[in-house]
Amino acid sequence: MTRATRAEGALADVKFLTVAEVAEVMRVSKMTVYRLVHSGDLAAVRVGRSFRVPERAVHEYLQEAFDEHGGPVLP
């Protein structure tokens, strides 16, 4: 298996969310999600004029927020 094939396989396993889906998960406005993306606090990929956010990036962002404020650890 080549490096490109492995990368394609790994990328196929990544679930991407729309800004609206991220906003719903985080219970914030879409504008808040856009601010997080533009500030670099939340990883995203630009697809045309839209953004797609890896689901893992949302979990990592929330985990960091919990850790900063002494909150519970997410699974």
N, C-alpha and C. Protein backbone atom coordinates (compact mmCIF):
# COMPACT_ATOMS: atom_id res chain seq x y z
N MET A 1 0.85 -1.18 0.00
CA MET A 1 0.00 0.00 0.00
C MET A 1 0.90 1.24 0.00
N THR A 2 0.63 2.15 -0.89
CA THR A 2 1.43 3.37 -0.97
C THR A 2 0.97 4.38 0.06
N ARG A 3 1.80 5.38 0.27
CA ARG A 3 1.45 6.44 1.22
C ARG A 3 0.17 7.15 0.78
N ALA A 4 0.02 7.38 -0.53
CA ALA A 4 -1.18 8.05 -1.05
C ALA A 4 -2.42 7.21 -0.79
N THR A 5 -2.31 5.90 -0.97
CA THR A 5 -3.45 5.02 -0.74
C THR A 5 -3.84 5.02 0.73
N ARG A 6 -2.84 4.98 1.62
CA ARG A 6 -3.13 5.02 3.06
C ARG A 6 -3.79 6.34 3.43
N ALA A 7 -3.29 7.44 2.87
CA ALA A 7 -3.86 8.76 3.17
C ALA A 7 -5.30 8.84 2.69
N GLU A 8 -5.57 8.30 1.51
CA GLU A 8 -6.94 8.30 0.99
C GLU A 8 -7.85 7.48 1.89
N GLY A 9 -7.36 6.34 2.37
CA GLY A 9 -8.15 5.50 3.26
C GLY A 9 -8.44 6.20 4.57
N ALA A 10 -7.44 6.88 5.12
CA ALA A 10 -7.63 7.60 6.38
C ALA A 10 -8.60 8.75 6.19
N LEU A 11 -8.50 9.44 5.08
CA LEU A 11 -9.39 10.57 4.80
C LEU A 11 -10.82 10.09 4.61
N ALA A 12 -10.99 8.90 4.07
CA ALA A 12 -12.34 8.36 3.87
C ALA A 12 -13.03 8.11 5.21
N ASP A 13 -12.24 7.92 6.26
CA ASP A 13 -12.80 7.66 7.59
C ASP A 13 -13.17 8.94 8.33
N VAL A 14 -12.74 10.09 7.83
CA VAL A 14 -13.02 11.37 8.50
C VAL A 14 -14.45 11.79 8.19
N LYS A 15 -15.19 12.14 9.24
CA LYS A 15 -16.54 12.65 9.05
C LYS A 15 -16.48 14.17 9.14
N PHE A 16 -16.99 14.83 8.11
CA PHE A 16 -17.00 16.28 8.08
C PHE A 16 -18.40 16.79 8.38
N LEU A 17 -18.46 17.89 9.12
CA LEU A 17 -19.73 18.52 9.49
C LEU A 17 -19.84 19.88 8.84
N THR A 18 -21.06 20.30 8.55
CA THR A 18 -21.28 21.65 8.06
C THR A 18 -21.22 22.61 9.24
N VAL A 19 -21.13 23.89 8.93
CA VAL A 19 -21.12 24.90 9.99
C VAL A 19 -22.42 24.82 10.80
N ALA A 20 -23.54 24.60 10.12
CA ALA A 20 -24.83 24.49 10.83
C ALA A 20 -24.84 23.29 11.77
N GLU A 21 -24.27 22.17 11.33
CA GLU A 21 -24.21 20.98 12.19
C GLU A 21 -23.32 21.21 13.40
N VAL A 22 -22.19 21.87 13.19
CA VAL A 22 -21.29 22.18 14.31
C VAL A 22 -22.00 23.10 15.30
N ALA A 23 -22.69 24.11 14.78
CA ALA A 23 -23.42 25.03 15.65
C ALA A 23 -24.46 24.28 16.48
N GLU A 24 -25.13 23.32 15.87
CA GLU A 24 -26.14 22.54 16.59
C GLU A 24 -25.50 21.69 17.68
N VAL A 25 -24.39 21.03 17.35
CA VAL A 25 -23.69 20.19 18.33
C VAL A 25 -23.20 21.02 19.51
N MET A 26 -22.63 22.19 19.20
CA MET A 26 -22.06 23.04 20.25
C MET A 26 -23.10 23.94 20.90
N ARG A 27 -24.29 23.98 20.32
CA ARG A 27 -25.39 24.82 20.82
C ARG A 27 -24.97 26.30 20.85
N VAL A 28 -24.41 26.73 19.71
CA VAL A 28 -24.03 28.12 19.51
C VAL A 28 -24.57 28.55 18.14
N SER A 29 -24.40 29.81 17.81
CA SER A 29 -24.86 30.29 16.50
C SER A 29 -23.85 29.91 15.42
N LYS A 30 -24.31 29.94 14.17
CA LYS A 30 -23.41 29.70 13.05
C LYS A 30 -22.31 30.76 13.01
N MET A 31 -22.65 31.99 13.37
CA MET A 31 -21.66 33.06 13.37
C MET A 31 -20.53 32.75 14.36
N THR A 32 -20.85 32.17 15.50
CA THR A 32 -19.83 31.80 16.47
C THR A 32 -18.89 30.75 15.87
N VAL A 33 -19.44 29.80 15.15
CA VAL A 33 -18.61 28.78 14.50
C VAL A 33 -17.70 29.43 13.47
N TYR A 34 -18.26 30.34 12.66
CA TYR A 34 -17.44 31.04 11.67
C TYR A 34 -16.30 31.81 12.35
N ARG A 35 -16.58 32.44 13.47
CA ARG A 35 -15.54 33.18 14.20
C ARG A 35 -14.43 32.23 14.67
N LEU A 36 -14.83 31.07 15.19
CA LEU A 36 -13.85 30.08 15.65
C LEU A 36 -12.98 29.59 14.49
N VAL A 37 -13.60 29.38 13.34
CA VAL A 37 -12.86 28.92 12.16
C VAL A 37 -11.90 30.00 11.69
N HIS A 38 -12.40 31.23 11.55
CA HIS A 38 -11.56 32.32 11.05
C HIS A 38 -10.42 32.67 12.00
N SER A 39 -10.63 32.48 13.30
CA SER A 39 -9.57 32.78 14.27
C SER A 39 -8.54 31.65 14.36
N GLY A 40 -8.86 30.50 13.76
CA GLY A 40 -7.94 29.37 13.82
C GLY A 40 -8.14 28.49 15.03
N ASP A 41 -9.13 28.80 15.86
CA ASP A 41 -9.40 27.99 17.05
C ASP A 41 -10.07 26.66 16.71
N LEU A 42 -10.74 26.60 15.57
CA LEU A 42 -11.43 25.38 15.14
C LEU A 42 -10.98 25.06 13.72
N ALA A 43 -10.41 23.88 13.55
CA ALA A 43 -9.91 23.47 12.23
C ALA A 43 -11.07 23.28 11.26
N ALA A 44 -10.86 23.69 10.02
CA ALA A 44 -11.88 23.52 8.99
C ALA A 44 -11.21 23.49 7.62
N VAL A 45 -11.94 22.94 6.66
CA VAL A 45 -11.49 22.88 5.28
C VAL A 45 -12.47 23.69 4.45
N ARG A 46 -11.93 24.55 3.60
CA ARG A 46 -12.80 25.33 2.72
C ARG A 46 -13.12 24.49 1.49
N VAL A 47 -14.41 24.38 1.19
CA VAL A 47 -14.88 23.68 0.00
C VAL A 47 -15.71 24.69 -0.79
N GLY A 48 -15.11 25.25 -1.82
CA GLY A 48 -15.77 26.32 -2.55
C GLY A 48 -15.94 27.52 -1.64
N ARG A 49 -17.18 27.93 -1.44
CA ARG A 49 -17.45 29.07 -0.56
C ARG A 49 -17.89 28.62 0.83
N SER A 50 -17.88 27.32 1.07
CA SER A 50 -18.34 26.76 2.35
C SER A 50 -17.17 26.21 3.15
N PHE A 51 -17.43 25.93 4.41
CA PHE A 51 -16.45 25.27 5.26
C PHE A 51 -17.00 23.91 5.68
N ARG A 52 -16.10 22.96 5.85
CA ARG A 52 -16.43 21.67 6.43
C ARG A 52 -15.47 21.47 7.59
N VAL A 53 -16.03 21.04 8.72
CA VAL A 53 -15.24 20.89 9.94
C VAL A 53 -15.14 19.41 10.27
N PRO A 54 -13.92 18.89 10.42
CA PRO A 54 -13.79 17.49 10.83
C PRO A 54 -14.44 17.29 12.21
N GLU A 55 -15.23 16.24 12.32
CA GLU A 55 -15.92 15.98 13.58
C GLU A 55 -14.93 15.91 14.74
N ARG A 56 -13.77 15.33 14.49
CA ARG A 56 -12.75 15.20 15.54
C ARG A 56 -12.29 16.58 16.03
N ALA A 57 -12.25 17.57 15.13
CA ALA A 57 -11.83 18.92 15.52
C ALA A 57 -12.81 19.53 16.52
N VAL A 58 -14.09 19.23 16.35
CA VAL A 58 -15.10 19.74 17.28
C VAL A 58 -14.88 19.12 18.66
N HIS A 59 -14.66 17.80 18.69
CA HIS A 59 -14.44 17.12 19.97
C HIS A 59 -13.17 17.63 20.65
N GLU A 60 -12.11 17.85 19.87
CA GLU A 60 -10.87 18.36 20.44
C GLU A 60 -11.04 19.77 20.98
N TYR A 61 -11.76 20.61 20.26
CA TYR A 61 -12.00 21.98 20.72
C TYR A 61 -12.77 21.97 22.05
N LEU A 62 -13.82 21.17 22.11
CA LEU A 62 -14.62 21.11 23.34
C LEU A 62 -13.81 20.52 24.49
N GLN A 63 -12.97 19.51 24.20
CA GLN A 63 -12.15 18.91 25.24
C GLN A 63 -11.18 19.94 25.82
N GLU A 64 -10.56 20.73 24.94
CA GLU A 64 -9.64 21.77 25.40
C GLU A 64 -10.37 22.80 26.26
N ALA A 65 -11.59 23.15 25.86
CA ALA A 65 -12.37 24.12 26.64
C ALA A 65 -12.69 23.56 28.02
N PHE A 66 -13.05 22.27 28.09
CA PHE A 66 -13.33 21.64 29.38
C PHE A 66 -12.07 21.61 30.23
N ASP A 67 -10.95 21.24 29.61
CA ASP A 67 -9.68 21.15 30.35
C ASP A 67 -9.27 22.50 30.91
N GLU A 68 -9.45 23.57 30.13
CA GLU A 68 -9.09 24.91 30.58
C GLU A 68 -9.88 25.35 31.79
N HIS A 69 -11.13 24.93 31.85
CA HIS A 69 -12.02 25.40 32.90
C HIS A 69 -12.29 24.34 33.96
N GLY A 70 -11.49 23.28 33.95
CA GLY A 70 -11.62 22.26 34.99
C GLY A 70 -12.90 21.46 34.90
N GLY A 71 -13.43 21.33 33.71
CA GLY A 71 -14.68 20.60 33.51
C GLY A 71 -14.45 19.11 33.36
N PRO A 72 -15.50 18.38 33.10
CA PRO A 72 -15.40 16.92 32.94
C PRO A 72 -14.66 16.55 31.66
N VAL A 73 -14.13 15.35 31.64
CA VAL A 73 -13.43 14.84 30.47
C VAL A 73 -14.44 14.14 29.58
N LEU A 74 -14.39 14.44 28.29
CA LEU A 74 -15.29 13.82 27.33
C LEU A 74 -14.72 12.49 26.88
N PRO A 75 -15.58 11.52 26.54
CA PRO A 75 -15.08 10.22 26.06
C PRO A 75 -14.44 10.34 24.69
